[in-house]
Amino acid sequence: MADVVFIDGLRVQALIGVYQAERGAAQPLLFDVEMTLDTRSAGGSDALADTVDYAVVAQAIQATCAQSGFALVEALAETVAAQLLRDFPIQAVLLRVTKPQAVPAARGVGVRIVRTRDAA
């Protein structure tokens, strides 16, 4: 079984959406991120350098979203997943992106993707 470092419910702002009403201002998105890596070295060393720094990951996601102009959450999710696999020592990422305000009758809508280093 693989080890996972995760971020749950990261709230970011992004200009995203297909409809004209969504394009006028940034809206909130929620990110749930699970990053697969071997954490045994960090467990033994107690050194941040031996794992993935979730604070830096969160900052990277926030920066990408702040510059977002995507129409689809699918496109944003692909971009973020590729960035995380490129910039951090992880083998896979499960990324869930939720638009909490997109459908008023729903708590949220969005996309969930899984990407691996081999397929990145």
PDB file of N, CA and C in Angstrom:
ATOM      1  N   MET A   1       0.839  -1.184   0.000  1.00  0.00           N
ATOM      2  CA  MET A   1       0.000   0.000   0.000  1.00  0.00           C
ATOM      3  C   MET A   1       0.883   1.247   0.000  1.00  0.00           C
ATOM      4  N   ALA A   2       0.477   2.252  -0.759  1.00  0.00           N
ATOM      5  CA  ALA A   2       1.256   3.473  -0.894  1.00  0.00           C
ATOM      6  C   ALA A   2       0.922   4.461   0.223  1.00  0.00           C
ATOM      7  N   ASP A   3       1.897   5.266   0.557  1.00  0.00           N
ATOM      8  CA  ASP A   3       1.699   6.333   1.530  1.00  0.00           C
ATOM      9  C   ASP A   3       1.091   7.534   0.810  1.00  0.00           C
ATOM     10  N   VAL A   4       0.351   8.335   1.553  1.00  0.00           N
ATOM     11  CA  VAL A   4      -0.323   9.494   0.968  1.00  0.00           C
ATOM     12  C   VAL A   4      -0.124  10.704   1.871  1.00  0.00           C
ATOM     13  N   VAL A   5       0.282  11.807   1.272  1.00  0.00           N
ATOM     14  CA  VAL A   5       0.268  13.111   1.923  1.00  0.00           C
ATOM     15  C   VAL A   5      -0.919  13.841   1.302  1.00  0.00           C
ATOM     16  N   PHE A   6      -1.767  14.451   2.135  1.00  0.00           N
ATOM     17  CA  PHE A   6      -2.977  15.037   1.570  1.00  0.00           C
ATOM     18  C   PHE A   6      -3.231  16.457   2.054  1.00  0.00           C
ATOM     19  N   ILE A   7      -4.019  17.147   1.248  1.00  0.00           N
ATOM     20  CA  ILE A   7      -4.562  18.464   1.584  1.00  0.00           C
ATOM     21  C   ILE A   7      -6.064  18.329   1.375  1.00  0.00           C
ATOM     22  N   ASP A   8      -6.834  18.671   2.387  1.00  0.00           N
ATOM     23  CA  ASP A   8      -8.275  18.497   2.326  1.00  0.00           C
ATOM     24  C   ASP A   8      -8.967  19.857   2.401  1.00  0.00           C
ATOM     25  N   GLY A   9      -9.764  20.179   1.391  1.00  0.00           N
ATOM     26  CA  GLY A   9     -10.574  21.393   1.429  1.00  0.00           C
ATOM     27  C   GLY A   9      -9.814  22.686   1.253  1.00  0.00           C
ATOM     28  N   LEU A  10      -8.780  22.682   0.426  1.00  0.00           N
ATOM     29  CA  LEU A  10      -8.036  23.919   0.158  1.00  0.00           C
ATOM     30  C   LEU A  10      -8.935  24.865  -0.635  1.00  0.00           C
ATOM     31  N   ARG A  11      -9.234  25.998  -0.054  1.00  0.00           N
ATOM     32  CA  ARG A  11     -10.111  26.983  -0.706  1.00  0.00           C
ATOM     33  C   ARG A  11      -9.244  27.976  -1.478  1.00  0.00           C
ATOM     34  N   VAL A  12      -9.552  28.107  -2.759  1.00  0.00           N
ATOM     35  CA  VAL A  12      -8.835  29.044  -3.630  1.00  0.00           C
ATOM     36  C   VAL A  12      -9.854  29.858  -4.414  1.00  0.00           C
ATOM     37  N   GLN A  13      -9.387  30.912  -5.031  1.00  0.00           N
ATOM     38  CA  GLN A  13     -10.218  31.728  -5.914  1.00  0.00           C
ATOM     39  C   GLN A  13      -9.689  31.579  -7.335  1.00  0.00           C
ATOM     40  N   ALA A  14     -10.612  31.454  -8.292  1.00  0.00           N
ATOM     41  CA  ALA A  14     -10.203  31.310  -9.685  1.00  0.00           C
ATOM     42  C   ALA A  14     -11.261  31.896 -10.600  1.00  0.00           C
ATOM     43  N   LEU A  15     -10.805  32.485 -11.678  1.00  0.00           N
ATOM     44  CA  LEU A  15     -11.696  32.875 -12.754  1.00  0.00           C
ATOM     45  C   LEU A  15     -11.880  31.635 -13.607  1.00  0.00           C
ATOM     46  N   ILE A  16     -13.053  31.034 -13.547  1.00  0.00           N
ATOM     47  CA  ILE A  16     -13.311  29.780 -14.239  1.00  0.00           C
ATOM     48  C   ILE A  16     -14.798  29.668 -14.536  1.00  0.00           C
ATOM     49  N   GLY A  17     -15.105  29.098 -15.680  1.00  0.00           N
ATOM     50  CA  GLY A  17     -16.498  28.865 -16.003  1.00  0.00           C
ATOM     51  C   GLY A  17     -16.768  29.027 -17.483  1.00  0.00           C
ATOM     52  N   VAL A  18     -17.819  28.383 -17.904  1.00  0.00           N
ATOM     53  CA  VAL A  18     -18.241  28.406 -19.301  1.00  0.00           C
ATOM     54  C   VAL A  18     -19.208  29.560 -19.546  1.00  0.00           C
ATOM     55  N   TYR A  19     -20.050  29.832 -18.573  1.00  0.00           N
ATOM     56  CA  TYR A  19     -21.125  30.795 -18.762  1.00  0.00           C
ATOM     57  C   TYR A  19     -20.666  32.217 -18.468  1.00  0.00           C
ATOM     58  N   GLN A  20     -21.252  33.160 -19.186  1.00  0.00           N
ATOM     59  CA  GLN A  20     -20.883  34.573 -19.058  1.00  0.00           C
ATOM     60  C   GLN A  20     -20.977  35.056 -17.614  1.00  0.00           C
ATOM     61  N   ALA A  21     -21.968  34.612 -16.886  1.00  0.00           N
ATOM     62  CA  ALA A  21     -22.137  35.030 -15.488  1.00  0.00           C
ATOM     63  C   ALA A  21     -20.961  34.610 -14.613  1.00  0.00           C
ATOM     64  N   GLU A  22     -20.256  33.549 -15.016  1.00  0.00           N
ATOM     65  CA  GLU A  22     -19.109  33.063 -14.239  1.00  0.00           C
ATOM     66  C   GLU A  22     -17.819  33.799 -14.590  1.00  0.00           C
ATOM     67  N   ARG A  23     -17.803  34.473 -15.713  1.00  0.00           N
ATOM     68  CA  ARG A  23     -16.561  35.048 -16.221  1.00  0.00           C
ATOM     69  C   ARG A  23     -16.266  36.439 -15.660  1.00  0.00           C
ATOM     70  N   GLY A  24     -17.177  37.016 -14.897  1.00  0.00           N
ATOM     71  CA  GLY A  24     -17.002  38.377 -14.428  1.00  0.00           C
ATOM     72  C   GLY A  24     -16.093  38.533 -13.221  1.00  0.00           C
ATOM     73  N   ALA A  25     -15.998  37.486 -12.409  1.00  0.00           N
ATOM     74  CA  ALA A  25     -15.196  37.588 -11.186  1.00  0.00           C
ATOM     75  C   ALA A  25     -14.741  36.200 -10.767  1.00  0.00           C
ATOM     76  N   ALA A  26     -13.658  36.186 -10.021  1.00  0.00           N
ATOM     77  CA  ALA A  26     -13.161  34.919  -9.490  1.00  0.00           C
ATOM     78  C   ALA A  26     -14.204  34.314  -8.563  1.00  0.00           C
ATOM     79  N   GLN A  27     -14.235  32.998  -8.506  1.00  0.00           N
ATOM     80  CA  GLN A  27     -15.158  32.291  -7.629  1.00  0.00           C
ATOM     81  C   GLN A  27     -14.399  31.260  -6.812  1.00  0.00           C
ATOM     82  N   PRO A  28     -14.973  30.819  -5.709  1.00  0.00           N
ATOM     83  CA  PRO A  28     -14.264  29.854  -4.871  1.00  0.00           C
ATOM     84  C   PRO A  28     -14.260  28.461  -5.496  1.00  0.00           C
ATOM     85  N   LEU A  29     -13.158  27.779  -5.292  1.00  0.00           N
ATOM     86  CA  LEU A  29     -13.009  26.366  -5.622  1.00  0.00           C
ATOM     87  C   LEU A  29     -12.453  25.671  -4.392  1.00  0.00           C
ATOM     88  N   LEU A  30     -12.771  24.409  -4.250  1.00  0.00           N
ATOM     89  CA  LEU A  30     -12.195  23.591  -3.183  1.00  0.00           C
ATOM     90  C   LEU A  30     -11.370  22.489  -3.815  1.00  0.00           C
ATOM     91  N   PHE A  31     -10.156  22.323  -3.311  1.00  0.00           N
ATOM     92  CA  PHE A  31      -9.257  21.269  -3.778  1.00  0.00           C
ATOM     93  C   PHE A  31      -9.037  20.255  -2.673  1.00  0.00           C
ATOM     94  N   ASP A  32      -9.224  18.996  -3.009  1.00  0.00           N
ATOM     95  CA  ASP A  32      -8.795  17.885  -2.166  1.00  0.00           C
ATOM     96  C   ASP A  32      -7.686  17.199  -2.949  1.00  0.00           C
ATOM     97  N   VAL A  33      -6.531  17.051  -2.327  1.00  0.00           N
ATOM     98  CA  VAL A  33      -5.347  16.546  -3.016  1.00  0.00           C
ATOM     99  C   VAL A  33      -4.764  15.385  -2.221  1.00  0.00           C
ATOM    100  N   GLU A  34      -4.533  14.274  -2.891  1.00  0.00           N
ATOM    101  CA  GLU A  34      -3.836  13.143  -2.290  1.00  0.00           C
ATOM    102  C   GLU A  34      -2.611  12.844  -3.147  1.00  0.00           C
ATOM    103  N   MET A  35      -1.437  12.924  -2.538  1.00  0.00           N
ATOM    104  CA  MET A  35      -0.181  12.708  -3.259  1.00  0.00           C
ATOM    105  C   MET A  35       0.490  11.442  -2.744  1.00  0.00           C
ATOM    106  N   THR A  36       0.743  10.529  -3.657  1.00  0.00           N
ATOM    107  CA  THR A  36       1.329   9.244  -3.306  1.00  0.00           C
ATOM    108  C   THR A  36       2.850   9.333  -3.367  1.00  0.00           C
ATOM    109  N   LEU A  37       3.498   8.907  -2.295  1.00  0.00           N
ATOM    110  CA  LEU A  37       4.956   8.855  -2.228  1.00  0.00           C
ATOM    111  C   LEU A  37       5.352   7.960  -1.065  1.00  0.00           C
ATOM    112  N   ASP A  38       6.576   7.575  -1.039  1.00  0.00           N
ATOM    113  CA  ASP A  38       7.083   6.754   0.058  1.00  0.00           C
ATOM    114  C   ASP A  38       7.538   7.698   1.176  1.00  0.00           C
ATOM    115  N   THR A  39       6.890   7.629   2.325  1.00  0.00           N
ATOM    116  CA  THR A  39       7.203   8.551   3.428  1.00  0.00           C
ATOM    117  C   THR A  39       8.110   7.936   4.490  1.00  0.00           C
ATOM    118  N   ARG A  40       8.646   6.748   4.225  1.00  0.00           N
ATOM    119  CA  ARG A  40       9.481   6.094   5.251  1.00  0.00           C
ATOM    120  C   ARG A  40      10.722   6.904   5.608  1.00  0.00           C
ATOM    121  N   SER A  41      11.364   7.515   4.614  1.00  0.00           N
ATOM    122  CA  SER A  41      12.553   8.331   4.917  1.00  0.00           C
ATOM    123  C   SER A  41      12.207   9.473   5.858  1.00  0.00           C
ATOM    124  N   ALA A  42      11.105  10.164   5.556  1.00  0.00           N
ATOM    125  CA  ALA A  42      10.687  11.276   6.411  1.00  0.00           C
ATOM    126  C   ALA A  42      10.297  10.779   7.801  1.00  0.00           C
ATOM    127  N   GLY A  43       9.658   9.618   7.847  1.00  0.00           N
ATOM    128  CA  GLY A  43       9.286   9.044   9.137  1.00  0.00           C
ATOM    129  C   GLY A  43      10.492   8.731   9.993  1.00  0.00           C
ATOM    130  N   GLY A  44      11.585   8.317   9.361  1.00  0.00           N
ATOM    131  CA  GLY A  44      12.803   8.003  10.099  1.00  0.00           C
ATOM    132  C   GLY A  44      13.654   9.208  10.421  1.00  0.00           C
ATOM    133  N   SER A  45      13.688  10.170   9.494  1.00  0.00           N
ATOM    134  CA  SER A  45      14.582  11.322   9.671  1.00  0.00           C
ATOM    135  C   SER A  45      13.921  12.497  10.377  1.00  0.00           C
ATOM    136  N   ASP A  46      12.597  12.574  10.290  1.00  0.00           N
ATOM    137  CA  ASP A  46      11.850  13.717  10.814  1.00  0.00           C
ATOM    138  C   ASP A  46      12.276  15.006  10.126  1.00  0.00           C
ATOM    139  N   ALA A  47      12.665  14.888   8.829  1.00  0.00           N
ATOM    140  CA  ALA A  47      13.155  16.040   8.063  1.00  0.00           C
ATOM    141  C   ALA A  47      12.186  16.370   6.930  1.00  0.00           C
ATOM    142  N   LEU A  48      11.788  17.609   6.841  1.00  0.00           N
ATOM    143  CA  LEU A  48      10.887  18.062   5.795  1.00  0.00           C
ATOM    144  C   LEU A  48      11.461  17.792   4.404  1.00  0.00           C
ATOM    145  N   ALA A  49      12.760  17.852   4.265  1.00  0.00           N
ATOM    146  CA  ALA A  49      13.404  17.615   2.972  1.00  0.00           C
ATOM    147  C   ALA A  49      13.165  16.199   2.446  1.00  0.00           C
ATOM    148  N   ASP A  50      12.744  15.283   3.306  1.00  0.00           N
ATOM    149  CA  ASP A  50      12.522  13.889   2.900  1.00  0.00           C
ATOM    150  C   ASP A  50      11.067  13.588   2.552  1.00  0.00           C
ATOM    151  N   THR A  51      10.258  14.613   2.430  1.00  0.00           N
ATOM    152  CA  THR A  51       8.847  14.418   2.075  1.00  0.00           C
ATOM    153  C   THR A  51       8.405  15.557   1.177  1.00  0.00           C
ATOM    154  N   VAL A  52       7.130  15.663   0.941  1.00  0.00           N
ATOM    155  CA  VAL A  52       6.582  16.771   0.168  1.00  0.00           C
ATOM    156  C   VAL A  52       6.001  17.788   1.153  1.00  0.00           C
ATOM    157  N   ASP A  53       6.332  19.033   0.932  1.00  0.00           N
ATOM    158  CA  ASP A  53       5.887  20.117   1.807  1.00  0.00           C
ATOM    159  C   ASP A  53       4.496  20.555   1.364  1.00  0.00           C
ATOM    160  N   TYR A  54       3.465  20.156   2.101  1.00  0.00           N
ATOM    161  CA  TYR A  54       2.107  20.455   1.668  1.00  0.00           C
ATOM    162  C   TYR A  54       1.807  21.947   1.666  1.00  0.00           C
ATOM    163  N   ALA A  55       2.507  22.730   2.469  1.00  0.00           N
ATOM    164  CA  ALA A  55       2.310  24.182   2.434  1.00  0.00           C
ATOM    165  C   ALA A  55       2.777  24.748   1.096  1.00  0.00           C
ATOM    166  N   VAL A  56       3.892  24.238   0.578  1.00  0.00           N
ATOM    167  CA  VAL A  56       4.396  24.681  -0.725  1.00  0.00           C
ATOM    168  C   VAL A  56       3.468  24.198  -1.839  1.00  0.00           C
ATOM    169  N   VAL A  57       2.949  22.988  -1.713  1.00  0.00           N
ATOM    170  CA  VAL A  57       1.986  22.473  -2.688  1.00  0.00           C
ATOM    171  C   VAL A  57       0.749  23.379  -2.707  1.00  0.00           C
ATOM    172  N   ALA A  58       0.242  23.721  -1.548  1.00  0.00           N
ATOM    173  CA  ALA A  58      -0.935  24.590  -1.461  1.00  0.00           C
ATOM    174  C   ALA A  58      -0.665  25.940  -2.114  1.00  0.00           C
ATOM    175  N   GLN A  59       0.504  26.497  -1.869  1.00  0.00           N
ATOM    176  CA  GLN A  59       0.861  27.784  -2.484  1.00  0.00           C
ATOM    177  C   GLN A  59       0.919  27.669  -4.001  1.00  0.00           C
ATOM    178  N   ALA A  60       1.447  26.556  -4.510  1.00  0.00           N
ATOM    179  CA  ALA A  60       1.528  26.347  -5.958  1.00  0.00           C
ATOM    180  C   ALA A  60       0.133  26.262  -6.572  1.00  0.00           C
ATOM    181  N   ILE A  61      -0.760  25.549  -5.927  1.00  0.00           N
ATOM    182  CA  ILE A  61      -2.135  25.436  -6.425  1.00  0.00           C
ATOM    183  C   ILE A  61      -2.816  26.807  -6.411  1.00  0.00           C
ATOM    184  N   GLN A  62      -2.649  27.543  -5.317  1.00  0.00           N
ATOM    185  CA  GLN A  62      -3.252  28.870  -5.213  1.00  0.00           C
ATOM    186  C   GLN A  62      -2.722  29.806  -6.295  1.00  0.00           C
ATOM    187  N   ALA A  63      -1.427  29.764  -6.567  1.00  0.00           N
ATOM    188  CA  ALA A  63      -0.833  30.625  -7.593  1.00  0.00           C
ATOM    189  C   ALA A  63      -1.371  30.281  -8.978  1.00  0.00           C
ATOM    190  N   THR A  64      -1.488  28.995  -9.276  1.00  0.00           N
ATOM    191  CA  THR A  64      -2.020  28.577 -10.566  1.00  0.00           C
ATOM    192  C   THR A  64      -3.468  29.032 -10.721  1.00  0.00           C
ATOM    193  N   CYS A  65      -4.250  28.865  -9.673  1.00  0.00           N
ATOM    194  CA  CYS A  65      -5.657  29.258  -9.736  1.00  0.00           C
ATOM    195  C   CYS A  65      -5.827  30.772  -9.845  1.00  0.00           C
ATOM    196  N   ALA A  66      -4.950  31.522  -9.220  1.00  0.00           N
ATOM    197  CA  ALA A  66      -5.029  32.985  -9.271  1.00  0.00           C
ATOM    198  C   ALA A  66      -4.830  33.494 -10.694  1.00  0.00           C
ATOM    199  N   GLN A  67      -4.128  32.719 -11.514  1.00  0.00           N
ATOM    200  CA  GLN A  67      -3.869  33.107 -12.901  1.00  0.00           C
ATOM    201  C   GLN A  67      -4.780  32.367 -13.879  1.00  0.00           C
ATOM    202  N   SER A  68      -5.728  31.612 -13.353  1.00  0.00           N
ATOM    203  CA  SER A  68      -6.592  30.775 -14.178  1.00  0.00           C
ATOM    204  C   SER A  68      -7.534  31.596 -15.026  1.00  0.00           C
ATOM    205  N   GLY A  69      -7.755  31.113 -16.212  1.00  0.00           N
ATOM    206  CA  GLY A  69      -8.778  31.671 -17.087  1.00  0.00           C
ATOM    207  C   GLY A  69      -9.512  30.549 -17.794  1.00  0.00           C
ATOM    208  N   PHE A  70      -9.413  29.342 -17.254  1.00  0.00           N
ATOM    209  CA  PHE A  70     -10.001  28.164 -17.885  1.00  0.00           C
ATOM    210  C   PHE A  70     -11.525  28.244 -17.890  1.00  0.00           C
ATOM    211  N   ALA A  71     -12.120  27.626 -18.877  1.00  0.00           N
ATOM    212  CA  ALA A  71     -13.563  27.472 -18.919  1.00  0.00           C
ATOM    213  C   ALA A  71     -13.981  26.275 -18.073  1.00  0.00           C
ATOM    214  N   LEU A  72     -13.212  25.188 -18.132  1.00  0.00           N
ATOM    215  CA  LEU A  72     -13.605  23.928 -17.501  1.00  0.00           C
ATOM    216  C   LEU A  72     -12.731  23.584 -16.301  1.00  0.00           C
ATOM    217  N   VAL A  73     -13.348  23.035 -15.254  1.00  0.00           N
ATOM    218  CA  VAL A  73     -12.571  22.544 -14.118  1.00  0.00           C
ATOM    219  C   VAL A  73     -11.687  21.377 -14.550  1.00  0.00           C
ATOM    220  N   GLU A  74     -12.099  20.636 -15.570  1.00  0.00           N
ATOM    221  CA  GLU A  74     -11.276  19.540 -16.079  1.00  0.00           C
ATOM    222  C   GLU A  74      -9.920  20.050 -16.562  1.00  0.00           C
ATOM    223  N   ALA A  75      -9.916  21.173 -17.258  1.00  0.00           N
ATOM    224  CA  ALA A  75      -8.665  21.744 -17.764  1.00  0.00           C
ATOM    225  C   ALA A  75      -7.791  22.250 -16.619  1.00  0.00           C
ATOM    226  N   LEU A  76      -8.402  22.897 -15.654  1.00  0.00           N
ATOM    227  CA  LEU A  76      -7.644  23.362 -14.488  1.00  0.00           C
ATOM    228  C   LEU A  76      -7.066  22.178 -13.733  1.00  0.00           C
ATOM    229  N   ALA A  77      -7.853  21.129 -13.531  1.00  0.00           N
ATOM    230  CA  ALA A  77      -7.376  19.946 -12.814  1.00  0.00           C
ATOM    231  C   ALA A  77      -6.197  19.303 -13.531  1.00  0.00           C
ATOM    232  N   GLU A  78      -6.261  19.182 -14.845  1.00  0.00           N
ATOM    233  CA  GLU A  78      -5.148  18.610 -15.609  1.00  0.00           C
ATOM    234  C   GLU A  78      -3.880  19.439 -15.445  1.00  0.00           C
ATOM    235  N   THR A  79      -4.029  20.747 -15.492  1.00  0.00           N
ATOM    236  CA  THR A  79      -2.878  21.644 -15.348  1.00  0.00           C
ATOM    237  C   THR A  79      -2.252  21.507 -13.967  1.00  0.00           C
ATOM    238  N   VAL A  80      -3.070  21.510 -12.938  1.00  0.00           N
ATOM    239  CA  VAL A  80      -2.561  21.385 -11.567  1.00  0.00           C
ATOM    240  C   VAL A  80      -1.910  20.022 -11.351  1.00  0.00           C
ATOM    241  N   ALA A  81      -2.542  18.955 -11.815  1.00  0.00           N
ATOM    242  CA  ALA A  81      -1.969  17.614 -11.646  1.00  0.00           C
ATOM    243  C   ALA A  81      -0.609  17.507 -12.335  1.00  0.00           C
ATOM    244  N   ALA A  82      -0.509  18.006 -13.553  1.00  0.00           N
ATOM    245  CA  ALA A  82       0.769  17.963 -14.270  1.00  0.00           C
ATOM    246  C   ALA A  82       1.837  18.774 -13.542  1.00  0.00           C
ATOM    247  N   GLN A  83       1.450  19.922 -13.010  1.00  0.00           N
ATOM    248  CA  GLN A  83       2.382  20.768 -12.257  1.00  0.00           C
ATOM    249  C   GLN A  83       2.897  20.045 -11.011  1.00  0.00           C
ATOM    250  N   LEU A  84       1.995  19.411 -10.271  1.00  0.00           N
ATOM    251  CA  LEU A  84       2.409  18.723  -9.051  1.00  0.00           C
ATOM    252  C   LEU A  84       3.343  17.552  -9.361  1.00  0.00           C
ATOM    253  N   LEU A  85       3.027  16.795 -10.400  1.00  0.00           N
ATOM    254  CA  LEU A  85       3.889  15.663 -10.773  1.00  0.00           C
ATOM    255  C   LEU A  85       5.251  16.135 -11.266  1.00  0.00           C
ATOM    256  N   ARG A  86       5.279  17.283 -11.908  1.00  0.00           N
ATOM    257  CA  ARG A  86       6.533  17.838 -12.421  1.00  0.00           C
ATOM    258  C   ARG A  86       7.399  18.427 -11.307  1.00  0.00           C
ATOM    259  N   ASP A  87       6.774  19.108 -10.357  1.00  0.00           N
ATOM    260  CA  ASP A  87       7.523  19.928  -9.402  1.00  0.00           C
ATOM    261  C   ASP A  87       7.755  19.304  -8.029  1.00  0.00           C
ATOM    262  N   PHE A  88       7.113  18.174  -7.748  1.00  0.00           N
ATOM    263  CA  PHE A  88       7.227  17.580  -6.421  1.00  0.00           C
ATOM    264  C   PHE A  88       7.567  16.100  -6.527  1.00  0.00           C
ATOM    265  N   PRO A  89       8.214  15.538  -5.499  1.00  0.00           N
ATOM    266  CA  PRO A  89       8.669  14.135  -5.538  1.00  0.00           C
ATOM    267  C   PRO A  89       7.536  13.151  -5.218  1.00  0.00           C
ATOM    268  N   ILE A  90       6.508  13.173  -6.059  1.00  0.00           N
ATOM    269  CA  ILE A  90       5.367  12.292  -5.857  1.00  0.00           C
ATOM    270  C   ILE A  90       5.249  11.346  -7.043  1.00  0.00           C
ATOM    271  N   GLN A  91       4.626  10.213  -6.803  1.00  0.00           N
ATOM    272  CA  GLN A  91       4.435   9.223  -7.865  1.00  0.00           C
ATOM    273  C   GLN A  91       3.059   9.323  -8.512  1.00  0.00           C
ATOM    274  N   ALA A  92       2.082   9.791  -7.767  1.00  0.00           N
ATOM    275  CA  ALA A  92       0.720   9.919  -8.279  1.00  0.00           C
ATOM    276  C   ALA A  92      -0.005  10.997  -7.499  1.00  0.00           C
ATOM    277  N   VAL A  93      -1.069  11.500  -8.123  1.00  0.00           N
ATOM    278  CA  VAL A  93      -1.894  12.503  -7.457  1.00  0.00           C
ATOM    279  C   VAL A  93      -3.360  12.213  -7.766  1.00  0.00           C
ATOM    280  N   LEU A  94      -4.166  12.244  -6.727  1.00  0.00           N
ATOM    281  CA  LEU A  94      -5.610  12.223  -6.857  1.00  0.00           C
ATOM    282  C   LEU A  94      -6.061  13.632  -6.534  1.00  0.00           C
ATOM    283  N   LEU A  95      -6.768  14.234  -7.465  1.00  0.00           N
ATOM    284  CA  LEU A  95      -7.146  15.630  -7.335  1.00  0.00           C
ATOM    285  C   LEU A  95      -8.653  15.749  -7.515  1.00  0.00           C
ATOM    286  N   ARG A  96      -9.303  16.344  -6.541  1.00  0.00           N
ATOM    287  CA  ARG A  96     -10.738  16.610  -6.632  1.00  0.00           C
ATOM    288  C   ARG A  96     -10.921  18.117  -6.575  1.00  0.00           C
ATOM    289  N   VAL A  97     -11.579  18.669  -7.595  1.00  0.00           N
ATOM    290  CA  VAL A  97     -11.831  20.101  -7.672  1.00  0.00           C
ATOM    291  C   VAL A  97     -13.346  20.301  -7.636  1.00  0.00           C
ATOM    292  N   THR A  98     -13.803  21.062  -6.662  1.00  0.00           N
ATOM    293  CA  THR A  98     -15.228  21.297  -6.475  1.00  0.00           C
ATOM    294  C   THR A  98     -15.548  22.772  -6.675  1.00  0.00           C
ATOM    295  N   LYS A  99     -16.599  23.030  -7.447  1.00  0.00           N
ATOM    296  CA  LYS A  99     -17.163  24.382  -7.581  1.00  0.00           C
ATOM    297  C   LYS A  99     -18.406  24.433  -6.693  1.00  0.00           C
ATOM    298  N   PRO A 100     -18.309  25.024  -5.513  1.00  0.00           N
ATOM    299  CA  PRO A 100     -19.437  24.985  -4.585  1.00  0.00           C
ATOM    300  C   PRO A 100     -20.612  25.876  -4.979  1.00  0.00           C
ATOM    301  N   GLN A 101     -20.409  26.840  -5.872  1.00  0.00           N
ATOM    302  CA  GLN A 101     -21.489  27.762  -6.222  1.00  0.00           C
ATOM    303  C   GLN A 101     -22.060  27.527  -7.617  1.00  0.00           C
ATOM    304  N   ALA A 102     -21.597  26.520  -8.333  1.00  0.00           N
ATOM    305  CA  ALA A 102     -21.986  26.340  -9.730  1.00  0.00           C
ATOM    306  C   ALA A 102     -23.439  25.923  -9.916  1.00  0.00           C
ATOM    307  N   VAL A 103     -23.936  25.047  -9.072  1.00  0.00           N
ATOM    308  CA  VAL A 103     -25.323  24.574  -9.162  1.00  0.00           C
ATOM    309  C   VAL A 103     -25.974  24.850  -7.809  1.00  0.00           C
ATOM    310  N   PRO A 104     -26.864  25.828  -7.753  1.00  0.00           N
ATOM    311  CA  PRO A 104     -27.423  26.236  -6.465  1.00  0.00           C
ATOM    312  C   PRO A 104     -28.051  25.110  -5.645  1.00  0.00           C
ATOM    313  N   ALA A 105     -28.629  24.122  -6.289  1.00  0.00           N
ATOM    314  CA  ALA A 105     -29.299  23.044  -5.559  1.00  0.00           C
ATOM    315  C   ALA A 105     -28.328  21.960  -5.078  1.00  0.00           C
ATOM    316  N   ALA A 106     -27.057  22.093  -5.426  1.00  0.00           N
ATOM    317  CA  ALA A 106     -26.054  21.089  -5.047  1.00  0.00           C
ATOM    318  C   ALA A 106     -25.036  21.703  -4.104  1.00  0.00           C
ATOM    319  N   ARG A 107     -24.488  20.874  -3.225  1.00  0.00           N
ATOM    320  CA  ARG A 107     -23.412  21.322  -2.338  1.00  0.00           C
ATOM    321  C   ARG A 107     -22.170  21.683  -3.149  1.00  0.00           C
ATOM    322  N   GLY A 108     -21.989  21.002  -4.269  1.00  0.00           N
ATOM    323  CA  GLY A 108     -20.864  21.287  -5.142  1.00  0.00           C
ATOM    324  C   GLY A 108     -20.867  20.356  -6.331  1.00  0.00           C
ATOM    325  N   VAL A 109     -20.192  20.771  -7.383  1.00  0.00           N
ATOM    326  CA  VAL A 109     -19.985  19.953  -8.573  1.00  0.00           C
ATOM    327  C   VAL A 109     -18.518  20.083  -8.955  1.00  0.00           C
ATOM    328  N   GLY A 110     -18.028  19.157  -9.734  1.00  0.00           N
ATOM    329  CA  GLY A 110     -16.631  19.280 -10.134  1.00  0.00           C
ATOM    330  C   GLY A 110     -16.115  18.030 -10.798  1.00  0.00           C
ATOM    331  N   VAL A 111     -14.834  17.789 -10.583  1.00  0.00           N
ATOM    332  CA  VAL A 111     -14.154  16.672 -11.232  1.00  0.00           C
ATOM    333  C   VAL A 111     -13.164  16.044 -10.263  1.00  0.00           C
ATOM    334  N   ARG A 112     -12.952  14.767 -10.438  1.00  0.00           N
ATOM    335  CA  ARG A 112     -11.952  14.024  -9.666  1.00  0.00           C
ATOM    336  C   ARG A 112     -11.101  13.268 -10.664  1.00  0.00           C
ATOM    337  N   ILE A 113      -9.780  13.501 -10.633  1.00  0.00           N
ATOM    338  CA  ILE A 113      -8.876  12.819 -11.557  1.00  0.00           C
ATOM    339  C   ILE A 113      -7.737  12.156 -10.781  1.00  0.00           C
ATOM    340  N   VAL A 114      -7.171  11.144 -11.377  1.00  0.00           N
ATOM    341  CA  VAL A 114      -5.983  10.480 -10.844  1.00  0.00           C
ATOM    342  C   VAL A 114      -4.954  10.476 -11.955  1.00  0.00           C
ATOM    343  N   ARG A 115      -3.767  10.974 -11.657  1.00  0.00           N
ATOM    344  CA  ARG A 115      -2.682  10.986 -12.633  1.00  0.00           C
ATOM    345  C   ARG A 115      -1.425  10.425 -11.971  1.00  0.00           C
ATOM    346  N   THR A 116      -0.628   9.710 -12.762  1.00  0.00           N
ATOM    347  CA  THR A 116       0.610   9.123 -12.261  1.00  0.00           C
ATOM    348  C   THR A 116       1.787   9.690 -13.008  1.00  0.00           C
ATOM    349  N   ARG A 117       2.945   9.567 -12.391  1.00  0.00           N
ATOM    350  CA  ARG A 117       4.165  10.084 -13.002  1.00  0.00           C
ATOM    351  C   ARG A 117       4.398   9.423 -14.366  1.00  0.00           C
ATOM    352  N   ASP A 118       4.138   8.139 -14.493  1.00  0.00           N
ATOM    353  CA  ASP A 118       4.350   7.439 -15.749  1.00  0.00           C
ATOM    354  C   ASP A 118       3.479   7.971 -16.865  1.00  0.00           C
ATOM    355  N   ALA A 119       2.295   8.476 -16.518  1.00  0.00           N
ATOM    356  CA  ALA A 119       1.361   8.961 -17.532  1.00  0.00           C
ATOM    357  C   ALA A 119       1.427  10.480 -17.677  1.00  0.00           C
ATOM    358  N   ALA A 120       2.257  11.143 -16.892  1.00  0.00           N
ATOM    359  CA  ALA A 120       2.291  12.604 -16.918  1.00  0.00           C
ATOM    360  C   ALA A 120       3.013  13.119 -18.142  1.00  0.00           C
TER     361      ALA A 120
END
